[in-house]
Amino acid sequence: EAVARIGPCLAVLGGVIVLAAVMVHSVEAQGSEHRQGFW
């Protein structure tokens, strides 16, 4: 029931993830994510 209540947000989140999946190939082409220091 809780998931159903926040369903619209989950739908938007799903759309963002699908878009991200399309971008994965270009991200991989840039090499590994570089993280260092403060975030």
PDB file of all heavy atoms in Angstrom:
ATOM      1  N   GLU A   1       0.824  -1.201   0.000  1.00  0.00           N
ATOM      2  CA  GLU A   1       0.000   0.000   0.000  1.00  0.00           C
ATOM      3  C   GLU A   1       0.858   1.249   0.000  1.00  0.00           C
ATOM      4  O   GLU A   1       0.563   2.241  -0.680  1.00  0.00           O
ATOM      5  CB  GLU A   1      -0.908  -0.013   1.229  1.00  0.00           C
ATOM      6  CG  GLU A   1      -1.821   1.208   1.328  1.00  0.00           C
ATOM      7  CD  GLU A   1      -2.655   1.183   2.593  1.00  0.00           C
ATOM      8  OE1 GLU A   1      -2.671   0.132   3.276  1.00  0.00           O
ATOM      9  OE2 GLU A   1      -3.277   2.208   2.882  1.00  0.00           O
ATOM     10  N   ALA A   2       1.956   1.206   0.747  1.00  0.00           N
ATOM     11  CA  ALA A   2       2.851   2.361   0.794  1.00  0.00           C
ATOM     12  C   ALA A   2       3.486   2.612  -0.556  1.00  0.00           C
ATOM     13  O   ALA A   2       3.616   3.754  -1.002  1.00  0.00           O
ATOM     14  CB  ALA A   2       3.934   2.141   1.849  1.00  0.00           C
ATOM     15  N   VAL A   3       3.901   1.539  -1.225  1.00  0.00           N
ATOM     16  CA  VAL A   3       4.498   1.685  -2.556  1.00  0.00           C
ATOM     17  C   VAL A   3       3.495   2.284  -3.526  1.00  0.00           C
ATOM     18  O   VAL A   3       3.824   3.124  -4.369  1.00  0.00           O
ATOM     19  CB  VAL A   3       5.012   0.319  -3.058  1.00  0.00           C
ATOM     20  CG1 VAL A   3       5.507   0.418  -4.493  1.00  0.00           C
ATOM     21  CG2 VAL A   3       6.117  -0.192  -2.156  1.00  0.00           C
ATOM     22  N   ALA A   4       2.226   1.861  -3.401  1.00  0.00           N
ATOM     23  CA  ALA A   4       1.188   2.404  -4.274  1.00  0.00           C
ATOM     24  C   ALA A   4       0.997   3.902  -4.041  1.00  0.00           C
ATOM     25  O   ALA A   4       0.748   4.658  -4.973  1.00  0.00           O
ATOM     26  CB  ALA A   4      -0.124   1.663  -4.041  1.00  0.00           C
ATOM     27  N   ARG A   5       1.125   4.342  -2.795  1.00  0.00           N
ATOM     28  CA  ARG A   5       0.927   5.751  -2.478  1.00  0.00           C
ATOM     29  C   ARG A   5       2.014   6.631  -3.091  1.00  0.00           C
ATOM     30  O   ARG A   5       1.769   7.786  -3.434  1.00  0.00           O
ATOM     31  CB  ARG A   5       0.890   5.953  -0.956  1.00  0.00           C
ATOM     32  CG  ARG A   5      -0.405   5.445  -0.319  1.00  0.00           C
ATOM     33  CD  ARG A   5      -0.370   5.671   1.188  1.00  0.00           C
ATOM     34  NE  ARG A   5      -1.616   5.242   1.813  1.00  0.00           N
ATOM     35  CZ  ARG A   5      -2.685   6.009   1.955  1.00  0.00           C
ATOM     36  NH1 ARG A   5      -2.657   7.248   1.495  1.00  0.00           N
ATOM     37  NH2 ARG A   5      -3.768   5.557   2.539  1.00  0.00           N
ATOM     38  N   ILE A   6       3.240   6.087  -3.178  1.00  0.00           N
ATOM     39  CA  ILE A   6       4.317   6.890  -3.770  1.00  0.00           C
ATOM     40  C   ILE A   6       4.587   6.435  -5.203  1.00  0.00           C
ATOM     41  O   ILE A   6       5.640   6.690  -5.759  1.00  0.00           O
ATOM     42  CB  ILE A   6       5.599   6.828  -2.908  1.00  0.00           C
ATOM     43  CG1 ILE A   6       6.085   5.385  -2.748  1.00  0.00           C
ATOM     44  CG2 ILE A   6       5.374   7.476  -1.561  1.00  0.00           C
ATOM     45  CD1 ILE A   6       7.405   5.285  -2.013  1.00  0.00           C
ATOM     46  N   GLY A   7       3.588   5.781  -5.808  1.00  0.00           N
ATOM     47  CA  GLY A   7       3.728   5.272  -7.166  1.00  0.00           C
ATOM     48  C   GLY A   7       4.126   6.311  -8.199  1.00  0.00           C
ATOM     49  O   GLY A   7       4.989   6.049  -9.040  1.00  0.00           O
ATOM     50  N   PRO A   8       3.486   7.510  -8.213  1.00  0.00           N
ATOM     51  CA  PRO A   8       3.887   8.513  -9.209  1.00  0.00           C
ATOM     52  C   PRO A   8       5.362   8.868  -9.149  1.00  0.00           C
ATOM     53  O   PRO A   8       6.026   9.013 -10.175  1.00  0.00           O
ATOM     54  CB  PRO A   8       3.000   9.718  -8.852  1.00  0.00           C
ATOM     55  CG  PRO A   8       1.797   9.108  -8.227  1.00  0.00           C
ATOM     56  CD  PRO A   8       2.317   7.929  -7.443  1.00  0.00           C
ATOM     57  N   CYS A   9       5.897   8.982  -7.934  1.00  0.00           N
ATOM     58  CA  CYS A   9       7.323   9.275  -7.805  1.00  0.00           C
ATOM     59  C   CYS A   9       8.163   8.124  -8.314  1.00  0.00           C
ATOM     60  O   CYS A   9       9.190   8.328  -8.967  1.00  0.00           O
ATOM     61  CB  CYS A   9       7.663   9.578  -6.349  1.00  0.00           C
ATOM     62  SG  CYS A   9       9.395  10.002  -6.089  1.00  0.00           S
ATOM     63  N   LEU A  10       7.731   6.897  -8.024  1.00  0.00           N
ATOM     64  CA  LEU A  10       8.463   5.735  -8.503  1.00  0.00           C
ATOM     65  C   LEU A  10       8.445   5.671 -10.021  1.00  0.00           C
ATOM     66  O   LEU A  10       9.417   5.251 -10.646  1.00  0.00           O
ATOM     67  CB  LEU A  10       7.858   4.457  -7.917  1.00  0.00           C
ATOM     68  CG  LEU A  10       8.048   4.250  -6.411  1.00  0.00           C
ATOM     69  CD1 LEU A  10       7.314   3.004  -5.956  1.00  0.00           C
ATOM     70  CD2 LEU A  10       9.517   4.164  -6.058  1.00  0.00           C
ATOM     71  N   ALA A  11       7.325   6.100 -10.636  1.00  0.00           N
ATOM     72  CA  ALA A  11       7.245   6.102 -12.093  1.00  0.00           C
ATOM     73  C   ALA A  11       8.250   7.083 -12.686  1.00  0.00           C
ATOM     74  O   ALA A  11       8.934   6.789 -13.672  1.00  0.00           O
ATOM     75  CB  ALA A  11       5.830   6.457 -12.539  1.00  0.00           C
ATOM     76  N   VAL A  12       8.357   8.271 -12.060  1.00  0.00           N
ATOM     77  CA  VAL A  12       9.345   9.254 -12.517  1.00  0.00           C
ATOM     78  C   VAL A  12      10.750   8.708 -12.332  1.00  0.00           C
ATOM     79  O   VAL A  12      11.619   8.827 -13.194  1.00  0.00           O
ATOM     80  CB  VAL A  12       9.176  10.583 -11.749  1.00  0.00           C
ATOM     81  CG1 VAL A  12      10.309  11.543 -12.098  1.00  0.00           C
ATOM     82  CG2 VAL A  12       7.832  11.201 -12.083  1.00  0.00           C
ATOM     83  N   LEU A  13      10.977   8.084 -11.170  1.00  0.00           N
ATOM     84  CA  LEU A  13      12.289   7.495 -10.896  1.00  0.00           C
ATOM     85  C   LEU A  13      12.622   6.427 -11.919  1.00  0.00           C
ATOM     86  O   LEU A  13      13.758   6.336 -12.392  1.00  0.00           O
ATOM     87  CB  LEU A  13      12.290   6.905  -9.487  1.00  0.00           C
ATOM     88  CG  LEU A  13      13.601   6.303  -8.985  1.00  0.00           C
ATOM     89  CD1 LEU A  13      14.685   7.371  -8.928  1.00  0.00           C
ATOM     90  CD2 LEU A  13      13.402   5.668  -7.620  1.00  0.00           C
ATOM     91  N   GLY A  14      11.616   5.610 -12.280  1.00  0.00           N
ATOM     92  CA  GLY A  14      11.840   4.584 -13.297  1.00  0.00           C
ATOM     93  C   GLY A  14      12.223   5.188 -14.630  1.00  0.00           C
ATOM     94  O   GLY A  14      13.084   4.663 -15.338  1.00  0.00           O
ATOM     95  N   GLY A  15      11.587   6.304 -14.982  1.00  0.00           N
ATOM     96  CA  GLY A  15      11.935   6.975 -16.227  1.00  0.00           C
ATOM     97  C   GLY A  15      13.363   7.480 -16.229  1.00  0.00           C
ATOM     98  O   GLY A  15      14.074   7.386 -17.228  1.00  0.00           O
ATOM     99  N   VAL A  16      13.787   8.018 -15.067  1.00  0.00           N
ATOM    100  CA  VAL A  16      15.168   8.494 -14.952  1.00  0.00           C
ATOM    101  C   VAL A  16      16.149   7.341 -15.113  1.00  0.00           C
ATOM    102  O   VAL A  16      17.185   7.451 -15.774  1.00  0.00           O
ATOM    103  CB  VAL A  16      15.371   9.202 -13.598  1.00  0.00           C
ATOM    104  CG1 VAL A  16      16.840   9.533 -13.381  1.00  0.00           C
ATOM    105  CG2 VAL A  16      14.529  10.456 -13.537  1.00  0.00           C
ATOM    106  N   ILE A  17      15.810   6.184 -14.510  1.00  0.00           N
ATOM    107  CA  ILE A  17      16.694   5.024 -14.593  1.00  0.00           C
ATOM    108  C   ILE A  17      16.778   4.506 -16.014  1.00  0.00           C
ATOM    109  O   ILE A  17      17.851   4.118 -16.494  1.00  0.00           O
ATOM    110  CB  ILE A  17      16.210   3.926 -13.630  1.00  0.00           C
ATOM    111  CG1 ILE A  17      16.418   4.390 -12.183  1.00  0.00           C
ATOM    112  CG2 ILE A  17      16.945   2.619 -13.869  1.00  0.00           C
ATOM    113  CD1 ILE A  17      15.863   3.439 -11.157  1.00  0.00           C
ATOM    114  N   VAL A  18      15.646   4.494 -16.730  1.00  0.00           N
ATOM    115  CA  VAL A  18      15.669   4.068 -18.135  1.00  0.00           C
ATOM    116  C   VAL A  18      16.558   4.994 -18.950  1.00  0.00           C
ATOM    117  O   VAL A  18      17.357   4.552 -19.787  1.00  0.00           O
ATOM    118  CB  VAL A  18      14.244   4.030 -18.706  1.00  0.00           C
ATOM    119  CG1 VAL A  18      14.280   3.829 -20.211  1.00  0.00           C
ATOM    120  CG2 VAL A  18      13.448   2.904 -18.057  1.00  0.00           C
ATOM    121  N   LEU A  19      16.406   6.303 -18.711  1.00  0.00           N
ATOM    122  CA  LEU A  19      17.261   7.266 -19.415  1.00  0.00           C
ATOM    123  C   LEU A  19      18.719   7.022 -19.073  1.00  0.00           C
ATOM    124  O   LEU A  19      19.594   7.089 -19.945  1.00  0.00           O
ATOM    125  CB  LEU A  19      16.860   8.690 -19.019  1.00  0.00           C
ATOM    126  CG  LEU A  19      17.702   9.825 -19.614  1.00  0.00           C
ATOM    127  CD1 LEU A  19      17.622   9.813 -21.138  1.00  0.00           C
ATOM    128  CD2 LEU A  19      17.254  11.167 -19.063  1.00  0.00           C
ATOM    129  N   ALA A  20      18.982   6.711 -17.793  1.00  0.00           N
ATOM    130  CA  ALA A  20      20.360   6.452 -17.392  1.00  0.00           C
ATOM    131  C   ALA A  20      20.921   5.230 -18.094  1.00  0.00           C
ATOM    132  O   ALA A  20      22.101   5.193 -18.452  1.00  0.00           O
ATOM    133  CB  ALA A  20      20.434   6.270 -15.875  1.00  0.00           C
ATOM    134  N   ALA A  21      20.087   4.214 -18.274  1.00  0.00           N
ATOM    135  CA  ALA A  21      20.544   3.006 -18.943  1.00  0.00           C
ATOM    136  C   ALA A  21      21.003   3.300 -20.366  1.00  0.00           C
ATOM    137  O   ALA A  21      21.970   2.712 -20.869  1.00  0.00           O
ATOM    138  CB  ALA A  21      19.432   1.960 -18.951  1.00  0.00           C
ATOM    139  N   VAL A  22      20.300   4.233 -21.009  1.00  0.00           N
ATOM    140  CA  VAL A  22      20.693   4.619 -22.364  1.00  0.00           C
ATOM    141  C   VAL A  22      22.049   5.308 -22.357  1.00  0.00           C
ATOM    142  O   VAL A  22      22.824   5.216 -23.304  1.00  0.00           O
ATOM    143  CB  VAL A  22      19.618   5.543 -22.979  1.00  0.00           C
ATOM    144  CG1 VAL A  22      20.048   6.034 -24.355  1.00  0.00           C
ATOM    145  CG2 VAL A  22      18.292   4.804 -23.074  1.00  0.00           C
ATOM    146  N   MET A  23      22.338   5.980 -21.219  1.00  0.00           N
ATOM    147  CA  MET A  23      23.581   6.741 -21.134  1.00  0.00           C
ATOM    148  C   MET A  23      24.762   5.896 -20.686  1.00  0.00           C
ATOM    149  O   MET A  23      25.900   6.362 -20.699  1.00  0.00           O
ATOM    150  CB  MET A  23      23.405   7.912 -20.144  1.00  0.00           C
ATOM    151  CG  MET A  23      22.316   8.893 -20.535  1.00  0.00           C
ATOM    152  SD  MET A  23      21.944  10.034 -19.175  1.00  0.00           S
ATOM    153  CE  MET A  23      23.547  10.805 -18.934  1.00  0.00           C
ATOM    154  N   VAL A  24      24.512   4.665 -20.228  1.00  0.00           N
ATOM    155  CA  VAL A  24      25.576   3.856 -19.642  1.00  0.00           C
ATOM    156  C   VAL A  24      26.741   3.661 -20.593  1.00  0.00           C
ATOM    157  O   VAL A  24      27.903   3.720 -20.206  1.00  0.00           O
ATOM    158  CB  VAL A  24      25.020   2.489 -19.174  1.00  0.00           C
ATOM    159  CG1 VAL A  24      26.151   1.509 -18.899  1.00  0.00           C
ATOM    160  CG2 VAL A  24      24.180   2.673 -17.929  1.00  0.00           C
ATOM    161  N   HIS A  25      26.453   3.406 -21.863  1.00  0.00           N
ATOM    162  CA  HIS A  25      27.524   3.153 -22.817  1.00  0.00           C
ATOM    163  C   HIS A  25      28.475   4.337 -22.905  1.00  0.00           C
ATOM    164  O   HIS A  25      29.698   4.159 -22.910  1.00  0.00           O
ATOM    165  CB  HIS A  25      26.941   2.850 -24.199  1.00  0.00           C
ATOM    166  CG  HIS A  25      27.998   2.627 -25.243  1.00  0.00           C
ATOM    167  ND1 HIS A  25      28.764   1.472 -25.296  1.00  0.00           N
ATOM    168  CD2 HIS A  25      28.439   3.416 -26.266  1.00  0.00           C
ATOM    169  CE1 HIS A  25      29.618   1.569 -26.310  1.00  0.00           C
ATOM    170  NE2 HIS A  25      29.428   2.733 -26.897  1.00  0.00           N
ATOM    171  N   SER A  26      27.898   5.562 -22.924  1.00  0.00           N
ATOM    172  CA  SER A  26      28.765   6.735 -23.017  1.00  0.00           C
ATOM    173  C   SER A  26      29.533   6.941 -21.722  1.00  0.00           C
ATOM    174  O   SER A  26      30.673   7.405 -21.729  1.00  0.00           O
ATOM    175  CB  SER A  26      27.937   7.987 -23.340  1.00  0.00           C
ATOM    176  OG  SER A  26      26.996   8.228 -22.318  1.00  0.00           O
ATOM    177  N   VAL A  27      28.908   6.582 -20.593  1.00  0.00           N
ATOM    178  CA  VAL A  27      29.607   6.697 -19.314  1.00  0.00           C
ATOM    179  C   VAL A  27      30.781   5.739 -19.265  1.00  0.00           C
ATOM    180  O   VAL A  27      31.872   6.064 -18.810  1.00  0.00           O
ATOM    181  CB  VAL A  27      28.626   6.420 -18.141  1.00  0.00           C
ATOM    182  CG1 VAL A  27      29.381   6.339 -16.825  1.00  0.00           C
ATOM    183  CG2 VAL A  27      27.572   7.506 -18.079  1.00  0.00           C
ATOM    184  N   GLU A  28      30.552   4.494 -19.738  1.00  0.00           N
ATOM    185  CA  GLU A  28      31.626   3.507 -19.753  1.00  0.00           C
ATOM    186  C   GLU A  28      32.780   3.971 -20.623  1.00  0.00           C
ATOM    187  O   GLU A  28      33.946   3.692 -20.336  1.00  0.00           O
ATOM    188  CB  GLU A  28      31.086   2.169 -20.252  1.00  0.00           C
ATOM    189  CG  GLU A  28      30.158   1.487 -19.263  1.00  0.00           C
ATOM    190  CD  GLU A  28      29.629   0.182 -19.810  1.00  0.00           C
ATOM    191  OE1 GLU A  28      29.559   0.052 -21.057  1.00  0.00           O
ATOM    192  OE2 GLU A  28      29.279  -0.698 -19.013  1.00  0.00           O
ATOM    193  N   ALA A  29      32.444   4.658 -21.698  1.00  0.00           N
ATOM    194  CA  ALA A  29      33.486   5.118 -22.603  1.00  0.00           C
ATOM    195  C   ALA A  29      34.408   6.133 -21.936  1.00  0.00           C
ATOM    196  O   ALA A  29      35.549   6.313 -22.337  1.00  0.00           O
ATOM    197  CB  ALA A  29      32.854   5.739 -23.852  1.00  0.00           C
ATOM    198  N   GLN A  30      33.895   6.813 -20.872  1.00  0.00           N
ATOM    199  CA  GLN A  30      34.709   7.795 -20.176  1.00  0.00           C
ATOM    200  C   GLN A  30      35.620   7.141 -19.134  1.00  0.00           C
ATOM    201  O   GLN A  30      36.414   7.805 -18.491  1.00  0.00           O
ATOM    202  CB  GLN A  30      33.794   8.809 -19.466  1.00  0.00           C
ATOM    203  CG  GLN A  30      32.925   9.595 -20.436  1.00  0.00           C
ATOM    204  CD  GLN A  30      31.918  10.461 -19.698  1.00  0.00           C
ATOM    205  OE1 GLN A  30      31.989  10.626 -18.492  1.00  0.00           O
ATOM    206  NE2 GLN A  30      30.983  11.022 -20.435  1.00  0.00           N
ATOM    207  N   GLY A  31      35.459   5.805 -18.924  1.00  0.00           N
ATOM    208  CA  GLY A  31      36.255   5.114 -17.921  1.00  0.00           C
ATOM    209  C   GLY A  31      35.537   5.059 -16.601  1.00  0.00           C
ATOM    210  O   GLY A  31      34.415   5.503 -16.454  1.00  0.00           O
ATOM    211  N   SER A  32      36.164   4.487 -15.616  1.00  0.00           N
ATOM    212  CA  SER A  32      35.561   4.321 -14.308  1.00  0.00           C
ATOM    213  C   SER A  32      35.270   5.668 -13.669  1.00  0.00           C
ATOM    214  O   SER A  32      35.966   6.658 -13.885  1.00  0.00           O
ATOM    215  CB  SER A  32      36.485   3.507 -13.397  1.00  0.00           C
ATOM    216  OG  SER A  32      36.683   2.215 -13.920  1.00  0.00           O
ATOM    217  N   GLU A  33      34.200   5.674 -12.843  1.00  0.00           N
ATOM    218  CA  GLU A  33      33.876   6.869 -12.072  1.00  0.00           C
ATOM    219  C   GLU A  33      35.052   7.210 -11.162  1.00  0.00           C
ATOM    220  O   GLU A  33      35.626   6.340 -10.512  1.00  0.00           O
ATOM    221  CB  GLU A  33      32.618   6.609 -11.241  1.00  0.00           C
ATOM    222  CG  GLU A  33      31.367   6.419 -12.069  1.00  0.00           C
ATOM    223  CD  GLU A  33      30.814   7.721 -12.577  1.00  0.00           C
ATOM    224  OE1 GLU A  33      31.179   8.780 -12.011  1.00  0.00           O
ATOM    225  OE2 GLU A  33      30.036   7.699 -13.530  1.00  0.00           O
ATOM    226  N   HIS A  34      35.389   8.487 -11.130  1.00  0.00           N
ATOM    227  CA  HIS A  34      36.527   8.923 -10.320  1.00  0.00           C
ATOM    228  C   HIS A  34      36.002   9.676  -9.111  1.00  0.00           C
ATOM    229  O   HIS A  34      35.396  10.739  -9.248  1.00  0.00           O
ATOM    230  CB  HIS A  34      37.437   9.817 -11.143  1.00  0.00           C
ATOM    231  CG  HIS A  34      38.680  10.217 -10.404  1.00  0.00           C
ATOM    232  ND1 HIS A  34      39.611   9.306  -9.960  1.00  0.00           N
ATOM    233  CD2 HIS A  34      39.130  11.439 -10.023  1.00  0.00           C
ATOM    234  CE1 HIS A  34      40.598   9.945  -9.350  1.00  0.00           C
ATOM    235  NE2 HIS A  34      40.319  11.233  -9.369  1.00  0.00           N
ATOM    236  N   ARG A  35      36.203   9.119  -7.917  1.00  0.00           N
ATOM    237  CA  ARG A  35      35.751   9.739  -6.681  1.00  0.00           C
ATOM    238  C   ARG A  35      36.938   9.916  -5.763  1.00  0.00           C
ATOM    239  O   ARG A  35      37.706   8.985  -5.534  1.00  0.00           O
ATOM    240  CB  ARG A  35      34.676   8.874  -6.002  1.00  0.00           C
ATOM    241  CG  ARG A  35      33.436   8.695  -6.833  1.00  0.00           C
ATOM    242  CD  ARG A  35      32.421   7.774  -6.148  1.00  0.00           C
ATOM    243  NE  ARG A  35      31.254   7.603  -6.988  1.00  0.00           N
ATOM    244  CZ  ARG A  35      31.164   6.698  -7.961  1.00  0.00           C
ATOM    245  NH1 ARG A  35      32.189   5.895  -8.193  1.00  0.00           N
ATOM    246  NH2 ARG A  35      30.075   6.617  -8.696  1.00  0.00           N
ATOM    247  N   GLN A  36      37.041  11.109  -5.199  1.00  0.00           N
ATOM    248  CA  GLN A  36      38.105  11.362  -4.242  1.00  0.00           C
ATOM    249  C   GLN A  36      37.711  12.555  -3.387  1.00  0.00           C
ATOM    250  O   GLN A  36      36.890  13.383  -3.785  1.00  0.00           O
ATOM    251  CB  GLN A  36      39.442  11.639  -4.944  1.00  0.00           C
ATOM    252  CG  GLN A  36      39.436  12.869  -5.830  1.00  0.00           C
ATOM    253  CD  GLN A  36      40.773  13.117  -6.490  1.00  0.00           C
ATOM    254  OE1 GLN A  36      41.716  12.361  -6.298  1.00  0.00           O
ATOM    255  NE2 GLN A  36      40.876  14.191  -7.258  1.00  0.00           N
ATOM    256  N   GLY A  37      38.277  12.599  -2.182  1.00  0.00           N
ATOM    257  CA  GLY A  37      38.084  13.749  -1.324  1.00  0.00           C
ATOM    258  C   GLY A  37      36.676  13.886  -0.766  1.00  0.00           C
ATOM    259  O   GLY A  37      35.948  12.920  -0.557  1.00  0.00           O
ATOM    260  N   PHE A  38      36.282  15.133  -0.553  1.00  0.00           N
ATOM    261  CA  PHE A  38      35.008  15.482   0.074  1.00  0.00           C
ATOM    262  C   PHE A  38      33.860  15.363  -0.930  1.00  0.00           C
ATOM    263  O   PHE A  38      34.018  15.659  -2.105  1.00  0.00           O
ATOM    264  CB  PHE A  38      35.086  16.913   0.614  1.00  0.00           C
ATOM    265  CG  PHE A  38      33.858  17.370   1.342  1.00  0.00           C
ATOM    266  CD1 PHE A  38      33.573  16.892   2.616  1.00  0.00           C
ATOM    267  CD2 PHE A  38      32.994  18.284   0.754  1.00  0.00           C
ATOM    268  CE1 PHE A  38      32.444  17.322   3.299  1.00  0.00           C
ATOM    269  CE2 PHE A  38      31.861  18.717   1.429  1.00  0.00           C
ATOM    270  CZ  PHE A  38      31.589  18.240   2.707  1.00  0.00           C
ATOM    271  N   TRP A  39      32.691  14.929  -0.458  1.00  0.00           N
ATOM    272  CA  TRP A  39      31.516  14.822  -1.306  1.00  0.00           C
ATOM    273  C   TRP A  39      30.265  15.291  -0.545  1.00  0.00           C
ATOM    274  O   TRP A  39      30.197  15.227   0.674  1.00  0.00           O
ATOM    275  CB  TRP A  39      31.299  13.394  -1.801  1.00  0.00           C
ATOM    276  CG  TRP A  39      31.160  12.381  -0.698  1.00  0.00           C
ATOM    277  CD1 TRP A  39      32.179  11.692  -0.100  1.00  0.00           C
ATOM    278  CD2 TRP A  39      29.956  11.968  -0.050  1.00  0.00           C
ATOM    279  NE1 TRP A  39      31.675  10.872   0.894  1.00  0.00           N
ATOM    280  CE2 TRP A  39      30.313  11.014   0.943  1.00  0.00           C
ATOM    281  CE3 TRP A  39      28.608  12.294  -0.208  1.00  0.00           C
ATOM    282  CZ2 TRP A  39      29.361  10.403   1.767  1.00  0.00           C
ATOM    283  CZ3 TRP A  39      27.671  11.690   0.613  1.00  0.00           C
ATOM    284  CH2 TRP A  39      28.047  10.750   1.580  1.00  0.00           C
TER     285      TRP A  39
END
